[in-house]
Amino acid sequence: MPRLDHVRKGRANSLTRVRHRRSKRTQEVDDSVLLSARFAFVRVRVPQDPRQELLWLVLEWRDGEATAERAHLTSLPLHTGKHHLIYLIKERWRTEMVYREMKQELGLDHYQGRRWQGWHHHVSVVLCCYAFVVAMRQRAEPP
């Protein structure tokens, strides 16, 4: 099953220094909050992985950074396009922002019941409230 994981910063630092100088496969990408970044793509094998499969290591430099502050390791198929990999990495960020907003603003983490039915109801109500909030934002800010 494909996975998309963050790599610990310390382990990717040595590779980051080498690839930043040599990488010609960098792409400019604008995010929904108008951040742009450069990406380097490297195929790697994890040393202690018994399967020894070839993985993508994606290094990300945000604007103004001298070194890559983020590294992502993915086992998606090698024929996955680089634009699609960037999209998936950024989609994870968007999902985390939605989750954080639902916890902070709408009380997603306030359920204290003990039954599945109650938890399911609570999450459903929070998701409906979030859909309403998004609709109101869209209405307030026309394109």
Protein backbone atom coordinates (compact mmCIF):
# COMPACT_ATOMS: atom_id res chain seq x y z
CA MET A 1 0.00 0.00 0.00
CA PRO A 2 1.48 3.38 -0.95
CA ARG A 3 2.51 5.65 1.88
CA LEU A 4 3.70 9.22 2.15
CA ASP A 5 5.85 9.86 5.23
CA HIS A 6 7.93 12.69 6.55
CA VAL A 7 11.63 11.95 6.93
CA ARG A 8 13.36 13.04 10.09
CA LYS A 9 15.31 16.23 9.44
CA GLY A 10 18.68 15.01 10.71
CA ARG A 11 18.84 12.02 8.42
CA ALA A 12 18.21 13.97 5.23
CA ASN A 13 20.55 16.90 5.96
CA SER A 14 23.67 15.38 4.39
CA LEU A 15 21.78 14.44 1.24
CA THR A 16 20.17 17.89 1.20
CA ARG A 17 23.51 19.68 0.95
CA VAL A 18 24.65 17.52 -1.95
CA ARG A 19 21.40 17.58 -3.94
CA HIS A 20 20.80 21.32 -3.54
CA ARG A 21 23.93 22.11 -5.52
CA ARG A 22 23.39 19.46 -8.19
CA SER A 23 19.63 19.32 -8.55
CA LYS A 24 18.34 20.65 -11.82
CA ARG A 25 14.93 19.13 -11.28
CA THR A 26 13.46 21.90 -9.22
CA GLN A 27 9.98 23.25 -9.81
CA GLU A 28 8.21 26.36 -8.64
CA VAL A 29 4.84 25.62 -7.04
CA ASP A 30 2.41 28.13 -5.58
CA ASP A 31 0.39 26.94 -2.59
CA SER A 32 -3.07 28.09 -1.56
CA VAL A 33 -1.51 30.55 0.91
CA LEU A 34 0.81 31.88 -1.81
CA LEU A 35 3.96 30.14 -0.62
CA SER A 36 6.29 28.93 -3.29
CA ALA A 37 8.87 26.21 -2.98
CA ARG A 38 11.50 24.33 -4.94
CA PHE A 39 11.64 20.55 -4.95
CA ALA A 40 14.39 18.02 -5.62
CA PHE A 41 13.55 14.40 -6.38
CA VAL A 42 15.92 11.56 -5.53
CA ARG A 43 15.39 7.80 -5.83
CA VAL A 44 16.68 6.04 -2.72
CA ARG A 45 16.65 2.68 -0.98
CA VAL A 46 16.18 2.53 2.78
CA PRO A 47 19.22 0.63 4.14
CA GLN A 48 17.44 -1.58 6.68
CA ASP A 49 14.28 -2.23 4.67
CA PRO A 50 14.02 -5.98 3.96
CA ARG A 51 12.16 -5.33 0.68
CA GLN A 52 14.87 -2.95 -0.61
CA GLU A 53 12.35 -1.19 -2.83
CA LEU A 54 13.24 2.00 -4.68
CA LEU A 55 11.50 5.03 -3.12
CA TRP A 56 11.16 8.73 -3.90
CA LEU A 57 12.82 11.16 -1.51
CA VAL A 58 11.37 14.62 -2.12
CA LEU A 59 13.30 17.55 -0.65
CA GLU A 60 11.51 20.88 -0.28
CA TRP A 61 12.99 24.38 -0.05
CA ARG A 62 10.64 27.21 0.83
CA ASP A 63 11.37 30.76 -0.31
CA GLY A 64 14.41 32.23 1.38
CA GLU A 65 15.68 28.96 2.87
CA ALA A 66 19.29 27.98 2.26
CA THR A 67 18.72 24.27 2.96
CA ALA A 68 15.77 21.95 2.59
CA GLU A 69 13.70 22.15 5.75
CA ARG A 70 11.30 19.42 4.73
CA ALA A 71 11.88 15.96 3.33
CA HIS A 72 9.22 13.45 2.31
CA LEU A 73 9.74 9.75 1.62
CA THR A 74 7.13 8.00 -0.48
CA SER A 75 6.56 4.47 -1.73
CA LEU A 76 4.21 5.55 -4.49
CA PRO A 77 5.02 3.90 -7.83
CA LEU A 78 8.12 5.24 -9.55
CA HIS A 79 6.08 6.23 -12.59
CA THR A 80 4.10 8.71 -10.45
CA GLY A 81 4.62 12.16 -11.94
CA LYS A 82 6.54 14.80 -10.04
CA HIS A 83 3.68 17.29 -10.24
CA HIS A 84 1.38 14.64 -8.74
CA LEU A 85 3.87 13.98 -5.91
CA ILE A 86 3.96 17.71 -5.12
CA TYR A 87 0.16 17.83 -5.21
CA LEU A 88 -0.07 14.94 -2.72
CA ILE A 89 2.48 16.53 -0.39
CA LYS A 90 0.58 19.83 -0.42
CA GLU A 91 -2.77 18.05 -0.07
CA ARG A 92 -1.52 16.53 3.17
CA TRP A 93 -0.77 20.05 4.43
CA ARG A 94 -4.28 21.22 3.49
CA THR A 95 -5.81 18.23 5.28
CA GLU A 96 -3.82 18.97 8.43
CA MET A 97 -4.98 22.61 8.35
CA VAL A 98 -8.64 21.55 8.06
CA TYR A 99 -8.20 19.09 10.93
CA ARG A 100 -6.55 21.74 13.10
CA GLU A 101 -9.31 24.25 12.37
CA MET A 102 -12.03 21.71 13.19
CA LYS A 103 -10.32 20.94 16.50
CA GLN A 104 -9.73 24.56 17.50
CA GLU A 105 -12.85 26.27 16.20
CA LEU A 106 -15.56 23.60 16.01
CA GLY A 107 -14.76 21.28 18.91
CA LEU A 108 -13.82 18.11 17.06
CA ASP A 109 -11.74 16.98 20.04
CA HIS A 110 -14.37 17.79 22.71
CA TYR A 111 -16.32 14.51 22.56
CA GLN A 112 -16.18 12.65 25.89
CA GLY A 113 -18.62 9.82 25.29
CA ARG A 114 -17.87 6.13 25.24
CA ARG A 115 -19.99 4.76 22.43
CA TRP A 116 -19.28 4.52 18.75
CA GLN A 117 -22.69 5.91 17.86
CA GLY A 118 -22.15 9.05 19.92
CA TRP A 119 -18.69 9.64 18.51
CA HIS A 120 -19.98 9.10 14.98
CA HIS A 121 -22.79 11.61 15.57
CA HIS A 122 -20.35 14.17 17.03
CA VAL A 123 -17.95 13.92 14.08
CA SER A 124 -20.84 14.14 11.60
CA VAL A 125 -22.13 17.32 13.23
CA VAL A 126 -18.64 18.88 13.26
CA LEU A 127 -18.18 18.06 9.56
CA CYS A 128 -21.55 19.61 8.72
CA CYS A 129 -20.61 22.72 10.68
CA TYR A 130 -17.32 22.91 8.83
CA ALA A 131 -19.10 22.63 5.47
CA PHE A 132 -21.35 25.51 6.56
CA VAL A 133 -18.33 27.62 7.58
CA VAL A 134 -16.64 26.99 4.22
CA ALA A 135 -19.85 27.88 2.36
CA MET A 136 -20.14 31.14 4.32
CA ARG A 137 -16.50 31.99 3.54
CA GLN A 138 -17.11 31.40 -0.15
CA ARG A 139 -20.21 33.57 -0.05
CA ALA A 140 -18.37 36.39 1.76
CA GLU A 141 -15.39 36.33 -0.63
CA PRO A 142 -16.65 36.11 -4.22
CA PRO A 143 -14.08 35.01 -6.82
